[in-house]
Full PDB file with SEQRES, HELIX, SHEET, SSBOND, CRYST1, ORIGX, SCALE, CONECT and MASTER records, all heavy atoms in Angstrom:
SEQRES   1 A   33  LEU ASP SER LEU PRO GLU ASN ALA LYS LEU PRO TRP GLU          
SEQRES   2 A   33  PHE ARG SER ILE SER ALA ARG LYS ILE ARG ALA GLU GLU          
SEQRES   3 A   33  SER ARG GLN LYS GLU ALA GLU                                  
HELIX    1 AA1 ILE A   17  ALA A   32  1                                  16    
CRYST1    1.000    1.000    1.000  90.00  90.00  90.00 P 1           1          
ORIGX1      1.000000  0.000000  0.000000        0.00000                         
ORIGX2      0.000000  1.000000  0.000000        0.00000                         
ORIGX3      0.000000  0.000000  1.000000        0.00000                         
SCALE1      1.000000  0.000000  0.000000        0.00000                         
SCALE2      0.000000  1.000000  0.000000        0.00000                         
SCALE3      0.000000  0.000000  1.000000        0.00000                         
ATOM      1  N   LEU A   1     -70.076  12.338  53.029  1.00  0.00           N  
ATOM      2  CA  LEU A   1     -69.232  12.174  54.215  1.00  0.00           C  
ATOM      3  C   LEU A   1     -70.067  12.117  55.487  1.00  0.00           C  
ATOM      4  O   LEU A   1     -69.794  11.311  56.387  1.00  0.00           O  
ATOM      5  CB  LEU A   1     -68.225  13.320  54.298  1.00  0.00           C  
ATOM      6  CG  LEU A   1     -67.094  13.316  53.265  1.00  0.00           C  
ATOM      7  CD1 LEU A   1     -66.279  14.601  53.364  1.00  0.00           C  
ATOM      8  CD2 LEU A   1     -66.201  12.099  53.435  1.00  0.00           C  
ATOM      9  N   ASP A   2     -71.092  12.954  55.556  1.00  0.00           N  
ATOM     10  CA  ASP A   2     -71.939  12.992  56.758  1.00  0.00           C  
ATOM     11  C   ASP A   2     -72.731  11.701  56.949  1.00  0.00           C  
ATOM     12  O   ASP A   2     -73.146  11.380  58.073  1.00  0.00           O  
ATOM     13  CB  ASP A   2     -72.908  14.172  56.684  1.00  0.00           C  
ATOM     14  CG  ASP A   2     -72.210  15.520  56.790  1.00  0.00           C  
ATOM     15  OD1 ASP A   2     -71.041  15.549  57.231  1.00  0.00           O  
ATOM     16  OD2 ASP A   2     -72.829  16.539  56.411  1.00  0.00           O  
ATOM     17  N   SER A   3     -72.940  10.977  55.863  1.00  0.00           N  
ATOM     18  CA  SER A   3     -73.752   9.754  55.946  1.00  0.00           C  
ATOM     19  C   SER A   3     -72.957   8.536  56.412  1.00  0.00           C  
ATOM     20  O   SER A   3     -73.541   7.494  56.714  1.00  0.00           O  
ATOM     21  CB  SER A   3     -74.357   9.442  54.569  1.00  0.00           C  
ATOM     22  OG  SER A   3     -73.363   9.007  53.651  1.00  0.00           O  
ATOM     23  N   LEU A   4     -71.648   8.659  56.478  1.00  0.00           N  
ATOM     24  CA  LEU A   4     -70.805   7.499  56.778  1.00  0.00           C  
ATOM     25  C   LEU A   4     -70.654   7.300  58.282  1.00  0.00           C  
ATOM     26  O   LEU A   4     -70.590   8.265  59.048  1.00  0.00           O  
ATOM     27  CB  LEU A   4     -69.426   7.684  56.144  1.00  0.00           C  
ATOM     28  CG  LEU A   4     -69.420   7.935  54.629  1.00  0.00           C  
ATOM     29  CD1 LEU A   4     -67.998   8.174  54.139  1.00  0.00           C  
ATOM     30  CD2 LEU A   4     -70.050   6.767  53.885  1.00  0.00           C  
ATOM     31  N   PRO A   5     -70.570   6.054  58.722  1.00  0.00           N  
ATOM     32  CA  PRO A   5     -70.422   5.778  60.161  1.00  0.00           C  
ATOM     33  C   PRO A   5     -69.015   6.054  60.663  1.00  0.00           C  
ATOM     34  O   PRO A   5     -68.083   6.267  59.881  1.00  0.00           O  
ATOM     35  CB  PRO A   5     -70.759   4.286  60.251  1.00  0.00           C  
ATOM     36  CG  PRO A   5     -70.350   3.737  58.921  1.00  0.00           C  
ATOM     37  CD  PRO A   5     -70.671   4.821  57.922  1.00  0.00           C  
ATOM     38  N   GLU A   6     -68.860   6.034  61.963  1.00  0.00           N  
ATOM     39  CA  GLU A   6     -67.541   6.170  62.580  1.00  0.00           C  
ATOM     40  C   GLU A   6     -66.693   4.938  62.251  1.00  0.00           C  
ATOM     41  O   GLU A   6     -67.210   3.898  61.831  1.00  0.00           O  
ATOM     42  CB  GLU A   6     -67.675   6.312  64.095  1.00  0.00           C  
ATOM     43  CG  GLU A   6     -68.351   7.585  64.548  1.00  0.00           C  
ATOM     44  CD  GLU A   6     -67.530   8.822  64.222  1.00  0.00           C  
ATOM     45  OE1 GLU A   6     -66.286   8.767  64.410  1.00  0.00           O  
ATOM     46  OE2 GLU A   6     -68.109   9.812  63.772  1.00  0.00           O  
ATOM     47  N   ASN A   7     -65.384   5.062  62.452  1.00  0.00           N  
ATOM     48  CA  ASN A   7     -64.510   3.921  62.221  1.00  0.00           C  
ATOM     49  C   ASN A   7     -64.867   2.749  63.128  1.00  0.00           C  
ATOM     50  O   ASN A   7     -65.026   2.933  64.347  1.00  0.00           O  
ATOM     51  CB  ASN A   7     -63.051   4.299  62.484  1.00  0.00           C  
ATOM     52  CG  ASN A   7     -62.453   5.129  61.360  1.00  0.00           C  
ATOM     53  OD1 ASN A   7     -62.964   5.164  60.252  1.00  0.00           O  
ATOM     54  ND2 ASN A   7     -61.348   5.795  61.661  1.00  0.00           N  
ATOM     55  N   ALA A   8     -64.999   1.568  62.533  1.00  0.00           N  
ATOM     56  CA  ALA A   8     -65.175   0.370  63.344  1.00  0.00           C  
ATOM     57  C   ALA A   8     -63.910   0.122  64.146  1.00  0.00           C  
ATOM     58  O   ALA A   8     -62.813   0.534  63.754  1.00  0.00           O  
ATOM     59  CB  ALA A   8     -65.464  -0.829  62.443  1.00  0.00           C  
ATOM     60  N   LYS A   9     -64.066  -0.542  65.267  1.00  0.00           N  
ATOM     61  CA  LYS A   9     -62.923  -0.800  66.138  1.00  0.00           C  
ATOM     62  C   LYS A   9     -62.495  -2.262  66.024  1.00  0.00           C  
ATOM     63  O   LYS A   9     -63.317  -3.170  66.100  1.00  0.00           O  
ATOM     64  CB  LYS A   9     -63.272  -0.474  67.596  1.00  0.00           C  
ATOM     65  CG  LYS A   9     -63.540   1.006  67.848  1.00  0.00           C  
ATOM     66  CD  LYS A   9     -63.785   1.264  69.326  1.00  0.00           C  
ATOM     67  CE  LYS A   9     -64.089   2.738  69.591  1.00  0.00           C  
ATOM     68  NZ  LYS A   9     -62.967   3.610  69.229  1.00  0.00           N  
ATOM     69  N   LEU A  10     -61.205  -2.458  65.822  1.00  0.00           N  
ATOM     70  CA  LEU A  10     -60.644  -3.799  65.825  1.00  0.00           C  
ATOM     71  C   LEU A  10     -60.229  -4.165  67.247  1.00  0.00           C  
ATOM     72  O   LEU A  10     -59.932  -3.283  68.066  1.00  0.00           O  
ATOM     73  CB  LEU A  10     -59.426  -3.857  64.897  1.00  0.00           C  
ATOM     74  CG  LEU A  10     -59.732  -3.768  63.394  1.00  0.00           C  
ATOM     75  CD1 LEU A  10     -58.445  -3.584  62.595  1.00  0.00           C  
ATOM     76  CD2 LEU A  10     -60.472  -5.001  62.917  1.00  0.00           C  
ATOM     77  N   PRO A  11     -60.189  -5.461  67.555  1.00  0.00           N  
ATOM     78  CA  PRO A  11     -59.844  -5.872  68.929  1.00  0.00           C  
ATOM     79  C   PRO A  11     -58.341  -5.863  69.196  1.00  0.00           C  
ATOM     80  O   PRO A  11     -57.840  -6.669  69.976  1.00  0.00           O  
ATOM     81  CB  PRO A  11     -60.414  -7.299  68.988  1.00  0.00           C  
ATOM     82  CG  PRO A  11     -60.325  -7.805  67.596  1.00  0.00           C  
ATOM     83  CD  PRO A  11     -60.606  -6.602  66.714  1.00  0.00           C  
ATOM     84  N   TRP A  12     -57.619  -4.991  68.545  1.00  0.00           N  
ATOM     85  CA  TRP A  12     -56.188  -4.849  68.751  1.00  0.00           C  
ATOM     86  C   TRP A  12     -55.759  -3.454  68.316  1.00  0.00           C  
ATOM     87  O   TRP A  12     -56.507  -2.733  67.671  1.00  0.00           O  
ATOM     88  CB  TRP A  12     -55.397  -5.920  68.000  1.00  0.00           C  
ATOM     89  CG  TRP A  12     -55.815  -6.165  66.576  1.00  0.00           C  
ATOM     90  CD1 TRP A  12     -56.717  -7.084  66.131  1.00  0.00           C  
ATOM     91  CD2 TRP A  12     -55.352  -5.470  65.400  1.00  0.00           C  
ATOM     92  NE1 TRP A  12     -56.853  -7.003  64.765  1.00  0.00           N  
ATOM     93  CE2 TRP A  12     -56.024  -6.033  64.288  1.00  0.00           C  
ATOM     94  CE3 TRP A  12     -54.434  -4.442  65.178  1.00  0.00           C  
ATOM     95  CZ2 TRP A  12     -55.806  -5.603  62.975  1.00  0.00           C  
ATOM     96  CZ3 TRP A  12     -54.215  -4.001  63.872  1.00  0.00           C  
ATOM     97  CH2 TRP A  12     -54.904  -4.585  62.795  1.00  0.00           C  
ATOM     98  N   GLU A  13     -54.541  -3.090  68.669  1.00  0.00           N  
ATOM     99  CA  GLU A  13     -54.033  -1.748  68.383  1.00  0.00           C  
ATOM    100  C   GLU A  13     -53.026  -1.796  67.240  1.00  0.00           C  
ATOM    101  O   GLU A  13     -52.205  -2.701  67.148  1.00  0.00           O  
ATOM    102  CB  GLU A  13     -53.347  -1.182  69.637  1.00  0.00           C  
ATOM    103  CG  GLU A  13     -52.894   0.257  69.508  1.00  0.00           C  
ATOM    104  CD  GLU A  13     -52.329   0.797  70.815  1.00  0.00           C  
ATOM    105  OE1 GLU A  13     -51.288   0.270  71.261  1.00  0.00           O  
ATOM    106  OE2 GLU A  13     -52.924   1.725  71.378  1.00  0.00           O  
ATOM    107  N   PHE A  14     -53.117  -0.799  66.345  1.00  0.00           N  
ATOM    108  CA  PHE A  14     -52.149  -0.690  65.256  1.00  0.00           C  
ATOM    109  C   PHE A  14     -50.768  -0.395  65.824  1.00  0.00           C  
ATOM    110  O   PHE A  14     -50.613   0.452  66.700  1.00  0.00           O  
ATOM    111  CB  PHE A  14     -52.557   0.426  64.290  1.00  0.00           C  
ATOM    112  CG  PHE A  14     -53.835   0.145  63.553  1.00  0.00           C  
ATOM    113  CD1 PHE A  14     -55.020   0.756  63.925  1.00  0.00           C  
ATOM    114  CD2 PHE A  14     -53.852  -0.742  62.489  1.00  0.00           C  
ATOM    115  CE1 PHE A  14     -56.197   0.504  63.248  1.00  0.00           C  
ATOM    116  CE2 PHE A  14     -55.021  -1.006  61.802  1.00  0.00           C  
ATOM    117  CZ  PHE A  14     -56.199  -0.386  62.177  1.00  0.00           C  
ATOM    118  N   ARG A  15     -49.754  -1.079  65.304  1.00  0.00           N  
ATOM    119  CA  ARG A  15     -48.413  -0.968  65.866  1.00  0.00           C  
ATOM    120  C   ARG A  15     -47.378  -0.395  64.909  1.00  0.00           C  
ATOM    121  O   ARG A  15     -46.192  -0.373  65.223  1.00  0.00           O  
ATOM    122  CB  ARG A  15     -47.925  -2.350  66.332  1.00  0.00           C  
ATOM    123  CG  ARG A  15     -48.736  -2.951  67.469  1.00  0.00           C  
ATOM    124  CD  ARG A  15     -48.084  -4.244  67.937  1.00  0.00           C  
ATOM    125  NE  ARG A  15     -48.789  -4.847  69.046  1.00  0.00           N  
ATOM    126  CZ  ARG A  15     -48.404  -5.963  69.662  1.00  0.00           C  
ATOM    127  NH1 ARG A  15     -47.282  -6.577  69.245  1.00  0.00           N  
ATOM    128  NH2 ARG A  15     -49.088  -6.468  70.655  1.00  0.00           N  
ATOM    129  N   SER A  16     -47.787   0.028  63.739  1.00  0.00           N  
ATOM    130  CA  SER A  16     -46.817   0.530  62.771  1.00  0.00           C  
ATOM    131  C   SER A  16     -46.195   1.835  63.254  1.00  0.00           C  
ATOM    132  O   SER A  16     -46.693   2.486  64.182  1.00  0.00           O  
ATOM    133  CB  SER A  16     -47.491   0.761  61.415  1.00  0.00           C  
ATOM    134  OG  SER A  16     -48.467   1.773  61.521  1.00  0.00           O  
ATOM    135  N   ILE A  17     -45.118   2.240  62.599  1.00  0.00           N  
ATOM    136  CA  ILE A  17     -44.468   3.503  62.937  1.00  0.00           C  
ATOM    137  C   ILE A  17     -45.432   4.662  62.730  1.00  0.00           C  
ATOM    138  O   ILE A  17     -45.530   5.567  63.565  1.00  0.00           O  
ATOM    139  CB  ILE A  17     -43.195   3.693  62.089  1.00  0.00           C  
ATOM    140  CG1 ILE A  17     -42.157   2.635  62.447  1.00  0.00           C  
ATOM    141  CG2 ILE A  17     -42.622   5.096  62.274  1.00  0.00           C  
ATOM    142  CD1 ILE A  17     -40.937   2.651  61.562  1.00  0.00           C  
ATOM    143  N   SER A  18     -46.164   4.654  61.610  1.00  0.00           N  
ATOM    144  CA  SER A  18     -47.106   5.747  61.347  1.00  0.00           C  
ATOM    145  C   SER A  18     -48.206   5.779  62.388  1.00  0.00           C  
ATOM    146  O   SER A  18     -48.654   6.866  62.796  1.00  0.00           O  
ATOM    147  CB  SER A  18     -47.701   5.608  59.943  1.00  0.00           C  
ATOM    148  OG  SER A  18     -48.415   4.398  59.799  1.00  0.00           O  
ATOM    149  N   ALA A  19     -48.660   4.615  62.840  1.00  0.00           N  
ATOM    150  CA  ALA A  19     -49.700   4.573  63.869  1.00  0.00           C  
ATOM    151  C   ALA A  19     -49.189   5.150  65.179  1.00  0.00           C  
ATOM    152  O   ALA A  19     -49.906   5.915  65.864  1.00  0.00           O  
ATOM    153  CB  ALA A  19     -50.169   3.140  64.075  1.00  0.00           C  
ATOM    154  N   ARG A  20     -47.958   4.837  65.518  1.00  0.00           N  
ATOM    155  CA  ARG A  20     -47.389   5.378  66.754  1.00  0.00           C  
ATOM    156  C   ARG A  20     -47.197   6.889  66.656  1.00  0.00           C  
ATOM    157  O   ARG A  20     -47.400   7.620  67.632  1.00  0.00           O  
ATOM    158  CB  ARG A  20     -46.061   4.674  67.068  1.00  0.00           C  
ATOM    159  CG  ARG A  20     -46.211   3.186  67.364  1.00  0.00           C  
ATOM    160  CD  ARG A  20     -44.998   2.621  68.070  1.00  0.00           C  
ATOM    161  NE  ARG A  20     -43.808   2.653  67.230  1.00  0.00           N  
ATOM    162  CZ  ARG A  20     -43.429   1.661  66.438  1.00  0.00           C  
ATOM    163  NH1 ARG A  20     -44.166   0.571  66.334  1.00  0.00           N  
ATOM    164  NH2 ARG A  20     -42.307   1.757  65.727  1.00  0.00           N  
ATOM    165  N   LYS A  21     -46.828   7.369  65.472  1.00  0.00           N  
ATOM    166  CA  LYS A  21     -46.687   8.812  65.279  1.00  0.00           C  
ATOM    167  C   LYS A  21     -48.030   9.516  65.429  1.00  0.00           C  
ATOM    168  O   LYS A  21     -48.114  10.600  66.019  1.00  0.00           O  
ATOM    169  CB  LYS A  21     -46.094   9.093  63.898  1.00  0.00           C  
ATOM    170  CG  LYS A  21     -44.616   8.773  63.761  1.00  0.00           C  
ATOM    171  CD  LYS A  21     -44.109   9.104  62.370  1.00  0.00           C  
ATOM    172  CE  LYS A  21     -42.625   8.837  62.238  1.00  0.00           C  
ATOM    173  NZ  LYS A  21     -42.128   9.131  60.860  1.00  0.00           N  
ATOM    174  N   ILE A  22     -49.074   8.901  64.886  1.00  0.00           N  
ATOM    175  CA  ILE A  22     -50.421   9.487  64.996  1.00  0.00           C  
ATOM    176  C   ILE A  22     -50.834   9.590  66.452  1.00  0.00           C  
ATOM    177  O   ILE A  22     -51.328  10.632  66.906  1.00  0.00           O  
ATOM    178  CB  ILE A  22     -51.435   8.641  64.201  1.00  0.00           C  
ATOM    179  CG1 ILE A  22     -51.212   8.821  62.696  1.00  0.00           C  
ATOM    180  CG2 ILE A  22     -52.869   9.029  64.570  1.00  0.00           C  
ATOM    181  CD1 ILE A  22     -52.033   7.874  61.848  1.00  0.00           C  
ATOM    182  N   ARG A  23     -50.633   8.515  67.208  1.00  0.00           N  
ATOM    183  CA  ARG A  23     -51.019   8.536  68.624  1.00  0.00           C  
ATOM    184  C   ARG A  23     -50.193   9.540  69.417  1.00  0.00           C  
ATOM    185  O   ARG A  23     -50.711  10.233  70.297  1.00  0.00           O  
ATOM    186  CB  ARG A  23     -50.881   7.126  69.218  1.00  0.00           C  
ATOM    187  CG  ARG A  23     -51.950   6.162  68.728  1.00  0.00           C  
ATOM    188  CD  ARG A  23     -52.004   4.912  69.594  1.00  0.00           C  
ATOM    189  NE  ARG A  23     -50.819   4.096  69.451  1.00  0.00           N  
ATOM    190  CZ  ARG A  23     -50.678   3.130  68.536  1.00  0.00           C  
ATOM    191  NH1 ARG A  23     -51.664   2.874  67.694  1.00  0.00           N  
ATOM    192  NH2 ARG A  23     -49.570   2.411  68.478  1.00  0.00           N  
ATOM    193  N   ALA A  24     -48.906   9.639  69.085  1.00  0.00           N  
ATOM    194  CA  ALA A  24     -48.054  10.608  69.782  1.00  0.00           C  
ATOM    195  C   ALA A  24     -48.510  12.034  69.498  1.00  0.00           C  
ATOM    196  O   ALA A  24     -48.535  12.884  70.405  1.00  0.00           O  
ATOM    197  CB  ALA A  24     -46.598  10.415  69.355  1.00  0.00           C  
ATOM    198  N   GLU A  25     -48.873  12.323  68.244  1.00  0.00           N  
ATOM    199  CA  GLU A  25     -49.339  13.661  67.881  1.00  0.00           C  
ATOM    200  C   GLU A  25     -50.664  13.976  68.559  1.00  0.00           C  
ATOM    201  O   GLU A  25     -50.886  15.105  69.021  1.00  0.00           O  
ATOM    202  CB  GLU A  25     -49.474  13.772  66.360  1.00  0.00           C  
ATOM    203  CG  GLU A  25     -50.004  15.104  65.867  1.00  0.00           C  
ATOM    204  CD  GLU A  25     -49.137  16.291  66.253  1.00  0.00           C  
ATOM    205  OE1 GLU A  25     -47.932  16.090  66.543  1.00  0.00           O  
ATOM    206  OE2 GLU A  25     -49.671  17.422  66.253  1.00  0.00           O  
ATOM    207  N   GLU A  26     -51.556  13.002  68.621  1.00  0.00           N  
ATOM    208  CA  GLU A  26     -52.838  13.221  69.313  1.00  0.00           C  
ATOM    209  C   GLU A  26     -52.616  13.492  70.791  1.00  0.00           C  
ATOM    210  O   GLU A  26     -53.283  14.364  71.386  1.00  0.00           O  
ATOM    211  CB  GLU A  26     -53.745  12.006  69.124  1.00  0.00           C  
ATOM    212  CG  GLU A  26     -54.300  11.869  67.713  1.00  0.00           C  
ATOM    213  CD  GLU A  26     -55.254  10.703  67.572  1.00  0.00           C  
ATOM    214  OE1 GLU A  26     -55.142   9.734  68.362  1.00  0.00           O  
ATOM    215  OE2 GLU A  26     -56.115  10.749  66.680  1.00  0.00           O  
ATOM    216  N   SER A  27     -51.694  12.774  71.405  1.00  0.00           N  
ATOM    217  CA  SER A  27     -51.381  13.010  72.823  1.00  0.00           C  
ATOM    218  C   SER A  27     -50.799  14.399  73.021  1.00  0.00           C  
ATOM    219  O   SER A  27     -51.134  15.100  73.994  1.00  0.00           O  
ATOM    220  CB  SER A  27     -50.387  11.951  73.332  1.00  0.00           C  
ATOM    221  OG  SER A  27     -50.957  10.672  73.285  1.00  0.00           O  
ATOM    222  N   ARG A  28     -49.935  14.802  72.074  1.00  0.00           N  
ATOM    223  CA  ARG A  28     -49.337  16.135  72.169  1.00  0.00           C  
ATOM    224  C   ARG A  28     -50.408  17.213  72.068  1.00  0.00           C  
ATOM    225  O   ARG A  28     -50.384  18.196  72.824  1.00  0.00           O  
ATOM    226  CB  ARG A  28     -48.298  16.317  71.063  1.00  0.00           C  
ATOM    227  CG  ARG A  28     -47.483  17.600  71.180  1.00  0.00           C  
ATOM    228  CD  ARG A  28     -46.769  17.918  69.902  1.00  0.00           C  
ATOM    229  NE  ARG A  28     -47.695  18.242  68.825  1.00  0.00           N  
ATOM    230  CZ  ARG A  28     -48.331  19.408  68.706  1.00  0.00           C  
ATOM    231  NH1 ARG A  28     -48.153  20.370  69.613  1.00  0.00           N  
ATOM    232  NH2 ARG A  28     -49.149  19.624  67.696  1.00  0.00           N  
ATOM    233  N   GLN A  29     -51.338  17.040  71.151  1.00  0.00           N  
ATOM    234  CA  GLN A  29     -52.402  18.029  70.979  1.00  0.00           C  
ATOM    235  C   GLN A  29     -53.303  18.101  72.204  1.00  0.00           C  
ATOM    236  O   GLN A  29     -53.704  19.187  72.626  1.00  0.00           O  
ATOM    237  CB  GLN A  29     -53.223  17.690  69.733  1.00  0.00           C  
ATOM    238  CG  GLN A  29     -52.461  17.897  68.422  1.00  0.00           C  
ATOM    239  CD  GLN A  29     -53.299  17.515  67.215  1.00  0.00           C  
ATOM    240  OE1 GLN A  29     -54.401  17.005  67.336  1.00  0.00           O  
ATOM    241  NE2 GLN A  29     -52.756  17.775  66.015  1.00  0.00           N  
ATOM    242  N   LYS A  30     -53.620  16.956  72.777  1.00  0.00           N  
ATOM    243  CA  LYS A  30     -54.454  16.949  73.989  1.00  0.00           C  
ATOM    244  C   LYS A  30     -53.751  17.646  75.146  1.00  0.00           C  
ATOM    245  O   LYS A  30     -54.364  18.398  75.914  1.00  0.00           O  
ATOM    246  CB  LYS A  30     -54.813  15.517  74.369  1.00  0.00           C  
ATOM    247  CG  LYS A  30     -55.799  14.853  73.428  1.00  0.00           C  
ATOM    248  CD  LYS A  30     -56.099  13.435  73.870  1.00  0.00           C  
ATOM    249  CE  LYS A  30     -57.087  12.760  72.914  1.00  0.00           C  
ATOM    250  NZ  LYS A  30     -57.359  11.351  73.323  1.00  0.00           N  
ATOM    251  N   GLU A  31     -52.456  17.387  75.266  1.00  0.00           N  
ATOM    252  CA  GLU A  31     -51.691  18.027  76.335  1.00  0.00           C  
ATOM    253  C   GLU A  31     -51.615  19.536  76.116  1.00  0.00           C  
ATOM    254  O   GLU A  31     -51.712  20.319  77.080  1.00  0.00           O  
ATOM    255  CB  GLU A  31     -50.280  17.429  76.361  1.00  0.00           C  
ATOM    256  CG  GLU A  31     -49.448  17.897  77.547  1.00  0.00           C  
ATOM    257  CD  GLU A  31     -50.030  17.480  78.867  1.00  0.00           C  
ATOM    258  OE1 GLU A  31     -50.724  16.441  78.918  1.00  0.00           O  
ATOM    259  OE2 GLU A  31     -49.794  18.187  79.865  1.00  0.00           O  
ATOM    260  N   ALA A  32     -51.471  19.927  74.830  1.00  0.00           N  
ATOM    261  CA  ALA A  32     -51.426  21.355  74.528  1.00  0.00           C  
ATOM    262  C   ALA A  32     -52.747  22.037  74.844  1.00  0.00           C  
ATOM    263  O   ALA A  32     -52.773  23.173  75.339  1.00  0.00           O  
ATOM    264  CB  ALA A  32     -51.090  21.548  73.043  1.00  0.00           C  
ATOM    265  N   GLU A  33     -53.872  21.348  74.611  1.00  0.00           N  
ATOM    266  CA  GLU A  33     -55.188  21.904  74.925  1.00  0.00           C  
ATOM    267  C   GLU A  33     -55.345  22.081  76.421  1.00  0.00           C  
ATOM    268  O   GLU A  33     -55.961  23.062  76.887  1.00  0.00           O  
ATOM    269  CB  GLU A  33     -56.276  20.986  74.371  1.00  0.00           C  
ATOM    270  CG  GLU A  33     -56.359  20.985  72.837  1.00  0.00           C  
ATOM    271  CD  GLU A  33     -57.354  19.938  72.313  1.00  0.00           C  
ATOM    272  OE1 GLU A  33     -57.953  19.222  73.171  1.00  0.00           O  
ATOM    273  OE2 GLU A  33     -57.513  19.839  71.090  1.00  0.00           O  
TER     274      GLU A  33                                                      
MASTER        0    0    0    1    0    0    0    6  273    1    0    3          
END                                                                             
């Protein structure tokens, strides 16, 4: 796991429901911090 690179970035944003939930949860966690 330590040998693997970071996620490559695509030139667009994921728009699925699960992707939006992930971003919302990350925003919530940042706000909580």
